[in-house]
PDB file of N, CA and C in Angstrom:
ATOM      1  N   MET A   1      17.082  -2.851   9.993  1.00  0.00           N
ATOM      2  CA  MET A   1      16.245  -2.545   9.174  1.00  0.00           C
ATOM      3  C   MET A   1      15.755  -0.918   9.634  1.00  0.00           C
ATOM      4  N   PRO A   2      16.790  -0.221   8.740  1.00  0.00           N
ATOM      5  CA  PRO A   2      16.074   1.716   8.651  1.00  0.00           C
ATOM      6  C   PRO A   2      14.406   1.890   9.088  1.00  0.00           C
ATOM      7  N   ILE A   3      14.252   2.679   9.655  1.00  0.00           N
ATOM      8  CA  ILE A   3      12.766   3.289  10.618  1.00  0.00           C
ATOM      9  C   ILE A   3      12.300   3.420   9.115  1.00  0.00           C
ATOM     10  N   THR A   4      11.939   3.681   8.090  1.00  0.00           N
ATOM     11  CA  THR A   4      10.973   4.987   6.960  1.00  0.00           C
ATOM     12  C   THR A   4      10.913   3.249   6.475  1.00  0.00           C
ATOM     13  N   GLU A   5      11.531   1.659   6.585  1.00  0.00           N
ATOM     14  CA  GLU A   5      11.190   0.434   5.830  1.00  0.00           C
ATOM     15  C   GLU A   5      10.420  -0.219   6.560  1.00  0.00           C
ATOM     16  N   ARG A   6      10.272   0.121   8.123  1.00  0.00           N
ATOM     17  CA  ARG A   6       9.765  -0.198   8.809  1.00  0.00           C
ATOM     18  C   ARG A   6       8.641  -0.553   8.769  1.00  0.00           C
ATOM     19  N   ILE A   7       8.261   1.385   8.525  1.00  0.00           N
ATOM     20  CA  ILE A   7       7.174   2.643   8.515  1.00  0.00           C
ATOM     21  C   ILE A   7       5.818   1.613   7.540  1.00  0.00           C
ATOM     22  N   VAL A   8       6.954   1.717   6.134  1.00  0.00           N
ATOM     23  CA  VAL A   8       5.514   0.935   5.085  1.00  0.00           C
ATOM     24  C   VAL A   8       5.771  -0.218   4.843  1.00  0.00           C
ATOM     25  N   ILE A   9       6.615  -0.788   6.009  1.00  0.00           N
ATOM     26  CA  ILE A   9       6.238  -2.477   5.870  1.00  0.00           C
ATOM     27  C   ILE A   9       5.041  -2.758   6.875  1.00  0.00           C
ATOM     28  N   ASP A  10       5.188  -2.089   8.074  1.00  0.00           N
ATOM     29  CA  ASP A  10       4.178  -1.711   9.047  1.00  0.00           C
ATOM     30  C   ASP A  10       2.702  -1.406   8.821  1.00  0.00           C
ATOM     31  N   ALA A  11       2.873  -0.532   8.118  1.00  0.00           N
ATOM     32  CA  ALA A  11       1.838   0.043   7.753  1.00  0.00           C
ATOM     33  C   ALA A  11       0.418  -0.286   7.544  1.00  0.00           C
ATOM     34  N   ASP A  12      -0.719   0.229   7.574  1.00  0.00           N
ATOM     35  CA  ASP A  12      -1.915  -0.387   7.614  1.00  0.00           C
ATOM     36  C   ASP A  12      -2.162  -0.208   6.390  1.00  0.00           C
ATOM     37  N   PRO A  13      -2.959  -1.092   5.697  1.00  0.00           N
ATOM     38  CA  PRO A  13      -3.139  -1.466   4.325  1.00  0.00           C
ATOM     39  C   PRO A  13      -3.830  -0.477   3.260  1.00  0.00           C
ATOM     40  N   SER A  14      -4.424   0.246   4.141  1.00  0.00           N
ATOM     41  CA  SER A  14      -4.900   2.281   3.345  1.00  0.00           C
ATOM     42  C   SER A  14      -4.157   2.753   2.931  1.00  0.00           C
ATOM     43  N   ILE A  15      -2.508   2.367   4.265  1.00  0.00           N
ATOM     44  CA  ILE A  15      -1.462   3.859   4.360  1.00  0.00           C
ATOM     45  C   ILE A  15      -0.955   3.083   3.053  1.00  0.00           C
ATOM     46  N   LYS A  16      -0.423   1.613   2.913  1.00  0.00           N
ATOM     47  CA  LYS A  16       0.378   0.969   2.250  1.00  0.00           C
ATOM     48  C   LYS A  16      -0.296   1.016   0.603  1.00  0.00           C
ATOM     49  N   LYS A  17      -1.286   1.513   0.192  1.00  0.00           N
ATOM     50  CA  LYS A  17      -2.269   2.339  -0.864  1.00  0.00           C
ATOM     51  C   LYS A  17      -2.076   3.334  -1.024  1.00  0.00           C
ATOM     52  N   MET A  18      -1.977   4.209  -0.178  1.00  0.00           N
ATOM     53  CA  MET A  18      -2.175   5.488  -0.144  1.00  0.00           C
ATOM     54  C   MET A  18      -0.710   5.217  -0.748  1.00  0.00           C
ATOM     55  N   LEU A  19       0.375   5.236   0.025  1.00  0.00           N
ATOM     56  CA  LEU A  19       1.849   5.340  -0.581  1.00  0.00           C
ATOM     57  C   LEU A  19       2.059   4.936  -1.729  1.00  0.00           C
ATOM     58  N   PHE A  20       1.695   3.709  -2.256  1.00  0.00           N
ATOM     59  CA  PHE A  20       1.936   2.920  -3.510  1.00  0.00           C
ATOM     60  C   PHE A  20       1.091   3.931  -4.266  1.00  0.00           C
ATOM     61  N   GLU A  21       0.581   5.245  -4.377  1.00  0.00           N
ATOM     62  CA  GLU A  21      -0.233   5.922  -5.135  1.00  0.00           C
ATOM     63  C   GLU A  21       0.496   6.888  -5.200  1.00  0.00           C
ATOM     64  N   ILE A  22       0.934   7.267  -4.471  1.00  0.00           N
ATOM     65  CA  ILE A  22       2.011   8.884  -4.843  1.00  0.00           C
ATOM     66  C   ILE A  22       2.671   8.469  -4.675  1.00  0.00           C
ATOM     67  N   SER A  23       4.040   7.296  -5.412  1.00  0.00           N
ATOM     68  CA  SER A  23       4.970   6.784  -5.351  1.00  0.00           C
ATOM     69  C   SER A  23       4.943   6.377  -6.846  1.00  0.00           C
ATOM     70  N   GLU A  24       3.917   6.114  -7.065  1.00  0.00           N
ATOM     71  CA  GLU A  24       3.630   6.298  -8.670  1.00  0.00           C
ATOM     72  C   GLU A  24       3.855   7.313  -9.038  1.00  0.00           C
ATOM     73  N   GLU A  25       2.510   7.858  -9.081  1.00  0.00           N
ATOM     74  CA  GLU A  25       2.051   9.287  -9.461  1.00  0.00           C
ATOM     75  C   GLU A  25       3.459  10.093  -9.529  1.00  0.00           C
ATOM     76  N   TYR A  26       4.640  10.653  -8.607  1.00  0.00           N
ATOM     77  CA  TYR A  26       6.048  10.758  -8.420  1.00  0.00           C
ATOM     78  C   TYR A  26       6.977   9.601  -8.783  1.00  0.00           C
ATOM     79  N   GLY A  27       6.714   8.730  -9.211  1.00  0.00           N
ATOM     80  CA  GLY A  27       8.428   7.996  -9.877  1.00  0.00           C
ATOM     81  C   GLY A  27       8.597   8.021  -8.477  1.00  0.00           C
ATOM     82  N   GLU A  28       8.549   7.713  -7.529  1.00  0.00           N
ATOM     83  CA  GLU A  28       9.407   7.516  -6.093  1.00  0.00           C
ATOM     84  C   GLU A  28       8.962   6.046  -5.554  1.00  0.00           C
ATOM     85  N   THR A  29      10.175   5.645  -4.664  1.00  0.00           N
ATOM     86  CA  THR A  29       9.978   5.228  -3.659  1.00  0.00           C
ATOM     87  C   THR A  29       8.970   5.355  -2.716  1.00  0.00           C
ATOM     88  N   MET A  30       8.393   4.417  -1.992  1.00  0.00           N
ATOM     89  CA  MET A  30       7.230   4.227  -0.361  1.00  0.00           C
ATOM     90  C   MET A  30       7.943   5.140   0.073  1.00  0.00           C
ATOM     91  N   LYS A  31       9.661   4.596   0.052  1.00  0.00           N
ATOM     92  CA  LYS A  31      10.253   4.888   1.096  1.00  0.00           C
ATOM     93  C   LYS A  31      10.672   6.197   1.383  1.00  0.00           C
ATOM     94  N   ALA A  32      10.986   7.187   0.444  1.00  0.00           N
ATOM     95  CA  ALA A  32      11.313   8.547  -0.762  1.00  0.00           C
ATOM     96  C   ALA A  32       9.957   9.007  -0.009  1.00  0.00           C
ATOM     97  N   VAL A  33       9.163   8.669  -0.159  1.00  0.00           N
ATOM     98  CA  VAL A  33       7.896   9.654   0.268  1.00  0.00           C
ATOM     99  C   VAL A  33       7.481   9.585   1.516  1.00  0.00           C
ATOM    100  N   VAL A  34       7.413   8.890   2.280  1.00  0.00           N
ATOM    101  CA  VAL A  34       7.697   8.525   3.959  1.00  0.00           C
ATOM    102  C   VAL A  34       8.750   9.450   4.283  1.00  0.00           C
ATOM    103  N   CYS A  35       9.892   9.406   3.384  1.00  0.00           N
ATOM    104  CA  CYS A  35      10.882  10.214   4.054  1.00  0.00           C
ATOM    105  C   CYS A  35      10.333  11.658   3.414  1.00  0.00           C
ATOM    106  N   SER A  36       9.842  11.767   2.696  1.00  0.00           N
ATOM    107  CA  SER A  36       9.557  13.458   2.438  1.00  0.00           C
ATOM    108  C   SER A  36       8.469  13.926   2.728  1.00  0.00           C
ATOM    109  N   LEU A  37       7.289  12.715   3.008  1.00  0.00           N
ATOM    110  CA  LEU A  37       6.785  13.627   4.178  1.00  0.00           C
ATOM    111  C   LEU A  37       7.037  13.647   5.810  1.00  0.00           C
ATOM    112  N   ILE A  38       8.061  13.429   5.587  1.00  0.00           N
ATOM    113  CA  ILE A  38       8.071  13.514   7.467  1.00  0.00           C
ATOM    114  C   ILE A  38       9.304  14.674   7.795  1.00  0.00           C
ATOM    115  N   GLU A  39       9.733  15.114   5.932  1.00  0.00           N
ATOM    116  CA  GLU A  39      10.943  15.963   6.589  1.00  0.00           C
ATOM    117  C   GLU A  39       9.962  17.578   6.308  1.00  0.00           C
ATOM    118  N   SER A  40       8.851  17.491   5.271  1.00  0.00           N
ATOM    119  CA  SER A  40       7.636  18.236   5.365  1.00  0.00           C
ATOM    120  C   SER A  40       7.258  18.649   6.178  1.00  0.00           C
ATOM    121  N   LYS A  41       6.614  17.489   7.017  1.00  0.00           N
ATOM    122  CA  LYS A  41       5.875  18.274   8.690  1.00  0.00           C
ATOM    123  C   LYS A  41       7.114  18.874   9.441  1.00  0.00           C
ATOM    124  N   TYR A  42       8.137  17.830   9.242  1.00  0.00           N
ATOM    125  CA  TYR A  42       9.356  18.865   9.975  1.00  0.00           C
ATOM    126  C   TYR A  42       9.601  19.813   9.778  1.00  0.00           C
ATOM    127  N   LYS A  43       9.620  20.618   8.975  1.00  0.00           N
ATOM    128  CA  LYS A  43      10.152  21.830   8.317  1.00  0.00           C
ATOM    129  C   LYS A  43       8.643  22.777   8.615  1.00  0.00           C
ATOM    130  N   GLU A  44       7.415  22.256   9.211  1.00  0.00           N
ATOM    131  CA  GLU A  44       6.175  22.841   9.102  1.00  0.00           C
ATOM    132  C   GLU A  44       6.123  22.889  10.615  1.00  0.00           C
ATOM    133  N   LEU A  45       6.848  22.426  11.131  1.00  0.00           N
ATOM    134  CA  LEU A  45       6.817  22.199  12.891  1.00  0.00           C
ATOM    135  C   LEU A  45       7.576  23.481  13.550  1.00  0.00           C
ATOM    136  N   GLN A  46       9.310  23.471  12.368  1.00  0.00           N
ATOM    137  CA  GLN A  46       9.928  24.699  12.418  1.00  0.00           C
ATOM    138  C   GLN A  46      10.057  25.907  12.391  1.00  0.00           C
ATOM    139  N   LEU A  47       8.981  26.198  11.800  1.00  0.00           N
ATOM    140  CA  LEU A  47       8.097  26.694  11.225  1.00  0.00           C
ATOM    141  C   LEU A  47       7.158  28.254  11.620  1.00  0.00           C
ATOM    142  N   ARG A  48       6.639  26.951  12.550  1.00  0.00           N
ATOM    143  CA  ARG A  48       5.513  26.872  13.539  1.00  0.00           C
ATOM    144  C   ARG A  48       6.558  27.373  15.174  1.00  0.00           C
ATOM    145  N   LYS A  49       7.707  26.425  14.743  1.00  0.00           N
ATOM    146  CA  LYS A  49       7.780  27.572  16.315  1.00  0.00           C
ATOM    147  C   LYS A  49       8.707  28.685  16.322  1.00  0.00           C
ATOM    148  N   VAL A  50       9.711  29.050  14.991  1.00  0.00           N
ATOM    149  CA  VAL A  50       9.759  30.433  15.103  1.00  0.00           C
ATOM    150  C   VAL A  50       8.891  30.938  14.784  1.00  0.00           C
ATOM    151  N   GLY A  51       7.877  31.012  14.815  1.00  0.00           N
ATOM    152  CA  GLY A  51       6.299  31.942  14.444  1.00  0.00           C
ATOM    153  C   GLY A  51       6.552  32.056  16.023  1.00  0.00           C
ATOM    154  N   GLU A  52       5.850  31.220  17.040  1.00  0.00           N
ATOM    155  CA  GLU A  52       5.623  31.518  18.032  1.00  0.00           C
ATOM    156  C   GLU A  52       6.940  31.674  19.306  1.00  0.00           C
ATOM    157  N   PHE A  53       8.436  32.007  18.717  1.00  0.00           N
ATOM    158  CA  PHE A  53       9.179  32.345  18.784  1.00  0.00           C
ATOM    159  C   PHE A  53       8.941  34.006  18.503  1.00  0.00           C
ATOM    160  N   LYS A  54       8.746  34.488  17.710  1.00  0.00           N
ATOM    161  CA  LYS A  54       8.452  36.135  17.321  1.00  0.00           C
ATOM    162  C   LYS A  54       7.149  36.413  17.965  1.00  0.00           C
ATOM    163  N   LYS A  55       6.320  35.325  18.404  1.00  0.00           N
ATOM    164  CA  LYS A  55       5.075  36.514  19.232  1.00  0.00           C
ATOM    165  C   LYS A  55       5.707  36.352  20.762  1.00  0.00           C
ATOM    166  N   LEU A  56       6.541  36.099  20.875  1.00  0.00           N
ATOM    167  CA  LEU A  56       6.862  36.194  22.223  1.00  0.00           C
ATOM    168  C   LEU A  56       8.073  37.292  22.639  1.00  0.00           C
ATOM    169  N   ARG A  57       8.087  37.453  21.738  1.00  0.00           N
ATOM    170  CA  ARG A  57       9.180  39.213  21.674  1.00  0.00           C
ATOM    171  C   ARG A  57       8.544  40.422  22.023  1.00  0.00           C
TER     172      ARG A  57
END
């Protein structure tokens, strides 16, 4: 089973509720919402790393 499906299945009930509300609002599956959030955080991390690299120069 893909990790994103495990995240949705194993999520705390309050997290599931939030995922459900977001997925309803955006017309996406909860799996798509989880993937989107992970991608967003990863991009944020990469930008932070680039910023830190520029500070070192």
